[in-house]
Protein backbone atom coordinates (compact mmCIF):
# COMPACT_ATOMS: atom_id res chain seq x y z
CA MET A 1 -0.15 -11.78 -8.47
CA ARG A 2 2.64 -14.31 -8.86
CA ARG A 3 1.97 -17.47 -10.85
CA GLU A 4 2.38 -19.70 -7.80
CA HIS A 5 -0.19 -17.64 -5.92
CA LEU A 6 -2.66 -17.97 -8.79
CA ILE A 7 -2.15 -21.73 -8.84
CA LYS A 8 -2.63 -21.95 -5.07
CA HIS A 9 -5.75 -19.79 -5.28
CA HIS A 10 -7.21 -22.04 -7.99
CA LEU A 11 -6.42 -25.28 -6.13
CA VAL A 12 -7.95 -23.97 -2.91
CA ARG A 13 -11.17 -23.11 -4.75
CA VAL A 14 -11.30 -26.56 -6.35
CA ARG A 15 -10.71 -28.33 -3.02
CA LEU A 16 -13.41 -26.26 -1.35
CA GLY A 17 -15.90 -27.40 -3.98
CA ASP A 18 -16.31 -24.22 -6.02
CA LYS A 19 -17.83 -24.72 -9.45
CA ILE A 20 -15.57 -22.74 -11.74
CA ASP A 21 -17.16 -21.39 -14.90
CA TYR A 22 -14.65 -20.86 -17.70
CA THR A 23 -17.19 -19.23 -20.02
CA ILE A 24 -16.06 -15.85 -21.27
CA PRO A 25 -18.76 -13.30 -20.30
CA ALA A 26 -20.29 -10.97 -22.87
CA SER A 27 -19.05 -7.92 -20.95
CA ALA A 28 -16.37 -7.17 -18.39
CA THR A 29 -17.23 -8.18 -14.82
CA TYR A 30 -14.01 -7.17 -13.10
CA GLY A 31 -15.24 -3.81 -11.87
CA LYS A 32 -18.35 -1.62 -11.91
CA PRO A 33 -17.30 1.71 -10.38
CA THR A 34 -20.04 4.19 -9.53
CA GLU A 35 -17.84 7.00 -10.81
CA ALA A 36 -16.13 6.55 -14.16
CA ILE A 37 -12.39 6.03 -13.79
CA GLU A 38 -10.20 8.72 -15.28
CA TYR A 39 -6.61 8.23 -16.33
CA PRO A 40 -4.91 11.63 -16.32
CA GLU A 41 -1.30 11.89 -17.41
CA PRO A 42 0.80 11.60 -14.23
CA LEU A 43 3.27 14.31 -13.34
CA PRO A 44 6.93 13.31 -13.74
CA ALA A 45 9.04 12.30 -10.76
CA ASN A 46 10.50 15.33 -9.00
CA GLY A 47 12.89 13.83 -6.45
CA ASP A 48 16.20 15.39 -5.53
CA ARG A 49 17.87 12.44 -7.19
CA THR A 50 16.86 9.93 -9.84
CA PRO A 51 17.90 6.32 -9.18
CA SER A 52 19.33 4.46 -12.14
CA PRO A 53 16.66 2.26 -13.77
CA LYS A 54 18.67 -0.95 -13.30
CA SER A 55 20.94 -2.35 -10.62
CA PRO A 56 22.56 -5.76 -10.05
CA PHE A 57 21.98 -5.32 -6.31
CA ASN A 58 18.60 -3.60 -5.82
CA TYR A 59 15.00 -3.93 -6.98
CA ARG A 60 14.17 -0.68 -8.81
CA GLY A 61 11.31 0.86 -10.73
CA THR A 62 8.49 3.39 -10.70
CA LEU A 63 4.83 3.53 -9.79
CA VAL A 64 2.08 6.14 -9.92
CA ALA A 65 0.66 7.44 -6.64
CA ASN A 66 -1.44 10.30 -5.25
CA ASN A 67 -4.94 9.92 -6.70
CA ASN A 68 -5.78 13.62 -6.50
CA ALA A 69 -2.68 14.63 -8.47
CA PRO A 70 -1.12 11.45 -9.90
CA GLN A 71 2.66 11.49 -10.02
CA VAL A 72 5.41 9.08 -10.93
CA LEU A 73 7.34 7.94 -7.85
CA THR A 74 10.64 6.10 -7.98
CA PHE A 75 11.95 3.37 -5.71
CA GLU A 76 15.24 1.51 -5.48
CA SER A 77 14.39 -1.38 -3.17
CA SER A 78 11.46 -3.66 -2.42
CA VAL A 79 11.14 -2.02 1.00
CA GLU A 80 10.71 1.40 -0.64
CA ARG A 81 8.18 0.05 -3.14
CA ASN A 82 6.14 -1.75 -0.48
CA ALA A 83 6.24 1.23 1.85
CA THR A 84 5.01 3.53 -0.93
CA LEU A 85 2.01 1.27 -1.54
CA ILE A 86 1.20 0.74 2.14
CA LEU A 87 1.49 4.41 3.14
CA GLN A 88 -1.03 5.37 0.45
CA THR A 89 -3.68 3.42 2.37
CA ASN A 90 -3.11 5.57 5.47
CA HIS A 91 -6.05 7.98 5.64
CA ASP A 92 -3.96 10.57 7.48
CA ILE A 93 -1.55 10.90 4.53
CA VAL A 94 -2.69 13.13 1.67
CA GLU A 95 0.45 13.12 -0.47
CA LEU A 96 3.61 11.09 -0.91
CA GLN A 97 6.86 12.08 -2.60
CA THR A 98 10.00 10.05 -3.10
CA GLN A 99 13.75 10.81 -3.09
CA GLN A 100 13.27 14.04 -1.16
CA PRO A 101 14.03 16.22 0.69
CA THR A 102 17.81 16.37 0.98
CA LEU A 103 19.00 17.78 4.30
CA PRO A 104 22.47 18.59 5.65
CA TYR A 105 23.86 17.36 8.96
CA ARG A 106 27.15 17.06 10.81
CA ASP A 107 28.54 13.81 12.21
CA ASP A 108 30.19 13.39 15.61
CA ASP A 109 33.49 14.63 14.16
CA GLY A 110 31.90 17.81 12.83
CA LYS A 111 32.11 16.77 9.17
CA SER A 112 29.30 17.93 6.87
CA HIS A 113 27.09 15.41 5.07
CA THR A 114 23.71 15.28 3.35
CA HIS A 115 20.94 12.72 3.49
CA THR A 116 18.14 12.25 0.96
CA PHE A 117 14.97 10.73 2.38
CA ASP A 118 13.39 7.84 0.53
CA LEU A 119 9.87 9.13 1.18
CA CYS A 120 8.19 12.31 2.30
CA ALA A 121 4.62 12.11 3.59
CA ARG A 122 2.36 15.16 3.91
CA LEU A 123 -0.37 14.69 6.52
CA LYS A 124 -3.88 16.15 6.67
CA ASP A 125 -2.76 18.63 9.33
CA GLY A 126 -0.04 19.94 7.00
CA ARG A 127 2.93 18.33 8.74
CA LYS A 128 5.61 16.68 6.63
CA ILE A 129 7.41 13.52 7.74
CA GLY A 130 10.68 12.38 6.17
CA ILE A 131 10.82 8.58 6.03
CA ALA A 132 13.80 6.29 5.49
CA ALA A 133 12.79 2.90 4.06
CA LYS A 134 15.58 0.38 4.51
CA PRO A 135 16.10 -3.30 5.40
CA ILE A 136 16.73 -3.63 9.11
CA LEU A 137 20.28 -4.95 8.62
CA LYS A 138 21.23 -1.90 6.55
CA LEU A 139 19.58 0.32 9.12
CA ILE A 140 21.93 -1.11 11.76
CA GLU A 141 25.07 -1.33 9.61
CA THR A 142 24.91 2.31 8.49
CA ASP A 143 23.69 3.73 11.84
CA LEU A 144 20.83 5.31 9.92
CA ILE A 145 18.83 5.90 13.08
CA GLY A 146 21.74 7.95 14.40
CA THR A 147 21.75 9.96 11.17
CA LEU A 148 18.02 10.65 11.43
CA LEU A 149 18.41 11.79 15.04
CA ARG A 150 21.25 14.16 14.07
CA ILE A 151 19.14 15.66 11.29
CA LYS A 152 16.24 16.21 13.68
CA GLN A 153 18.42 17.66 16.43
CA GLN A 154 20.39 19.95 14.09
CA GLY A 155 17.31 21.41 12.42
CA MET A 156 15.43 20.47 9.28
CA ASN A 157 15.49 23.83 7.46
CA GLY A 158 11.71 24.09 7.61
CA LEU A 159 11.37 21.27 5.07
CA LEU A 160 10.22 18.63 7.54
CA ASP A 161 8.40 18.51 10.85
CA ASP A 162 9.63 15.09 11.89
CA VAL A 163 11.58 12.03 10.73
CA SER A 164 10.84 8.32 10.84
CA PHE A 165 11.84 5.01 9.30
CA VAL A 166 10.29 1.74 8.13
CA THR A 167 11.81 -1.70 7.54
CA GLU A 168 10.67 -4.91 5.86
CA LYS A 169 8.80 -5.72 9.09
CA PHE A 170 6.31 -2.96 8.23
CA ALA A 171 6.80 -2.96 4.45
CA SER A 172 6.35 -6.70 3.91
CA ASP A 173 5.23 -8.31 0.66
CA ASP A 174 1.99 -9.46 2.31
CA ALA A 175 1.16 -5.98 3.58
CA ALA A 176 1.96 -4.53 0.14
CA TYR A 177 -0.38 -7.07 -1.49
CA ASN A 178 -3.20 -6.00 0.83
CA ALA A 179 -2.42 -2.34 0.10
CA LYS A 180 -2.67 -2.89 -3.66
CA GLU A 181 -6.08 -4.50 -3.22
CA ILE A 182 -7.26 -1.56 -1.09
CA LEU A 183 -6.01 1.01 -3.59
CA LEU A 184 -7.72 -0.85 -6.43
CA SER A 185 -10.97 -1.09 -4.49
CA ARG A 186 -10.98 2.68 -4.03
CA ARG A 187 -10.93 3.12 -7.79
CA LEU A 188 -13.55 0.43 -8.48
CA ARG A 189 -15.87 1.35 -5.59
CA ASN A 190 -19.57 0.88 -6.34
CA GLU A 191 -21.91 2.39 -3.76
CA ASP A 192 -24.75 -0.09 -4.33
CA GLU A 193 -22.42 -3.08 -3.94
CA TYR A 194 -20.86 -1.44 -0.89
CA ARG A 195 -24.26 -1.10 0.78
CA ILE A 196 -25.09 -4.76 0.10
CA ALA A 197 -21.78 -5.86 1.61
CA PHE A 198 -22.22 -3.48 4.58
CA ASP A 199 -25.69 -4.88 5.32
CA LEU A 200 -24.30 -8.41 5.04
CA LEU A 201 -21.73 -7.69 7.76
CA LYS A 202 -24.48 -6.63 10.18
CA GLY A 203 -25.59 -10.24 10.51
CA ILE A 204 -22.11 -11.71 11.06
CA ARG A 205 -21.20 -12.94 14.52
CA GLY A 206 -17.70 -14.22 15.17
CA PRO A 207 -14.90 -15.03 12.71
CA VAL A 208 -15.83 -15.81 9.10
CA THR A 209 -13.69 -16.72 6.11
CA PHE A 210 -13.24 -14.02 3.52
CA ARG A 211 -14.64 -16.24 0.78
CA ALA A 212 -17.86 -16.87 2.71
CA LEU A 213 -18.70 -13.18 2.33
CA PHE A 214 -18.90 -13.27 -1.46
CA VAL A 215 -19.90 -16.87 -2.21
CA GLY A 216 -23.30 -16.75 -3.90
CA ALA A 217 -22.96 -13.14 -5.01
CA GLU A 218 -24.30 -12.43 -8.51
CA VAL A 219 -20.87 -11.13 -9.50
CA PRO A 220 -18.28 -12.21 -6.88
CA ALA A 221 -15.71 -9.72 -8.21
CA HIS A 222 -18.00 -6.80 -7.40
CA ARG A 223 -18.68 -8.13 -3.90
CA ARG A 224 -14.95 -8.67 -3.37
CA THR A 225 -14.26 -5.03 -4.25
CA ALA A 226 -16.92 -3.87 -1.80
CA LEU A 227 -15.40 -6.02 0.95
CA TRP A 228 -11.96 -4.50 0.34
CA CYS A 229 -13.58 -1.06 0.67
CA LEU A 230 -14.87 -2.16 4.08
CA ILE A 231 -11.39 -3.37 5.00
CA ASP A 232 -10.04 0.02 3.93
CA GLU A 233 -12.47 1.71 6.32
CA GLY A 234 -11.59 -0.61 9.21
CA LEU A 235 -15.05 -2.20 9.36
CA LEU A 236 -13.64 -5.60 8.41
CA ARG A 237 -10.21 -6.89 9.37
CA PRO A 238 -8.24 -10.13 9.34
CA ALA A 239 -8.12 -12.10 12.58
CA ALA A 240 -4.32 -12.29 12.25
CA PRO A 241 -1.72 -10.24 10.36
CA GLY A 242 -0.72 -11.36 6.88
CA ARG A 243 -1.92 -11.58 3.30
CA ILE A 244 -5.71 -11.56 3.03
CA GLU A 245 -6.77 -14.54 0.92
CA ASP A 246 -10.06 -16.30 0.36
CA THR A 247 -9.51 -18.62 3.33
CA THR A 248 -8.39 -15.88 5.73
CA LEU A 249 -10.50 -15.56 8.87
CA MET A 250 -12.04 -12.10 9.12
CA ILE A 251 -13.52 -10.14 12.03
CA VAL A 252 -16.39 -7.67 11.64
CA THR A 253 -15.83 -4.46 13.64
CA LEU A 254 -19.14 -2.65 13.10
């Protein structure tokens, strides 16, 4: 979380009257997962190309995805990074790869070209979707949609079943923040805390602030994790799109 967000979060809590205890606890209270967390060595990136680690123009880096078989994934823009985080929260997607596959196509003049997809998503039903993740202006300037249509029309060599694209509208910083919280909650999930939070939602009628759902909890961090698990499952959702913060109005969908 950025420093300014931490400061805002602290000031909001103070203004709402929270009593903040700065005592260092005897043991960690951040997470209490039912199943012990394992940290296997991730597989190396296996894209068709490897972006340079630095660029004066783009935001670049790596992250680890795919819980069942962790792997290093590369990205070369904030849109790619955000999309990689957000798509992992989609329950229909079982695996993500980056910088692949590379497919040939011909332009309107008959010239041969190749295009490497930013992301490749494998779905539960086995289908593979090639995804271009680009800012909307670049999407328009480079006629990327036209390129994707040509690839689909000219055949995908059995490597893909369909093509798609995402922009910063979908892969926003706020949506990526929510995705990170969901992915973390999956790792820290505690079944007892989840059941307490689930039972709490049964008595909620109408909109309620996110913070009201964990105020008074013995360990608010554990309750917060359980609530994010409920958000992941669609049983709790924000009343409006955007970053989910303590003051966000939430709707119970049980």
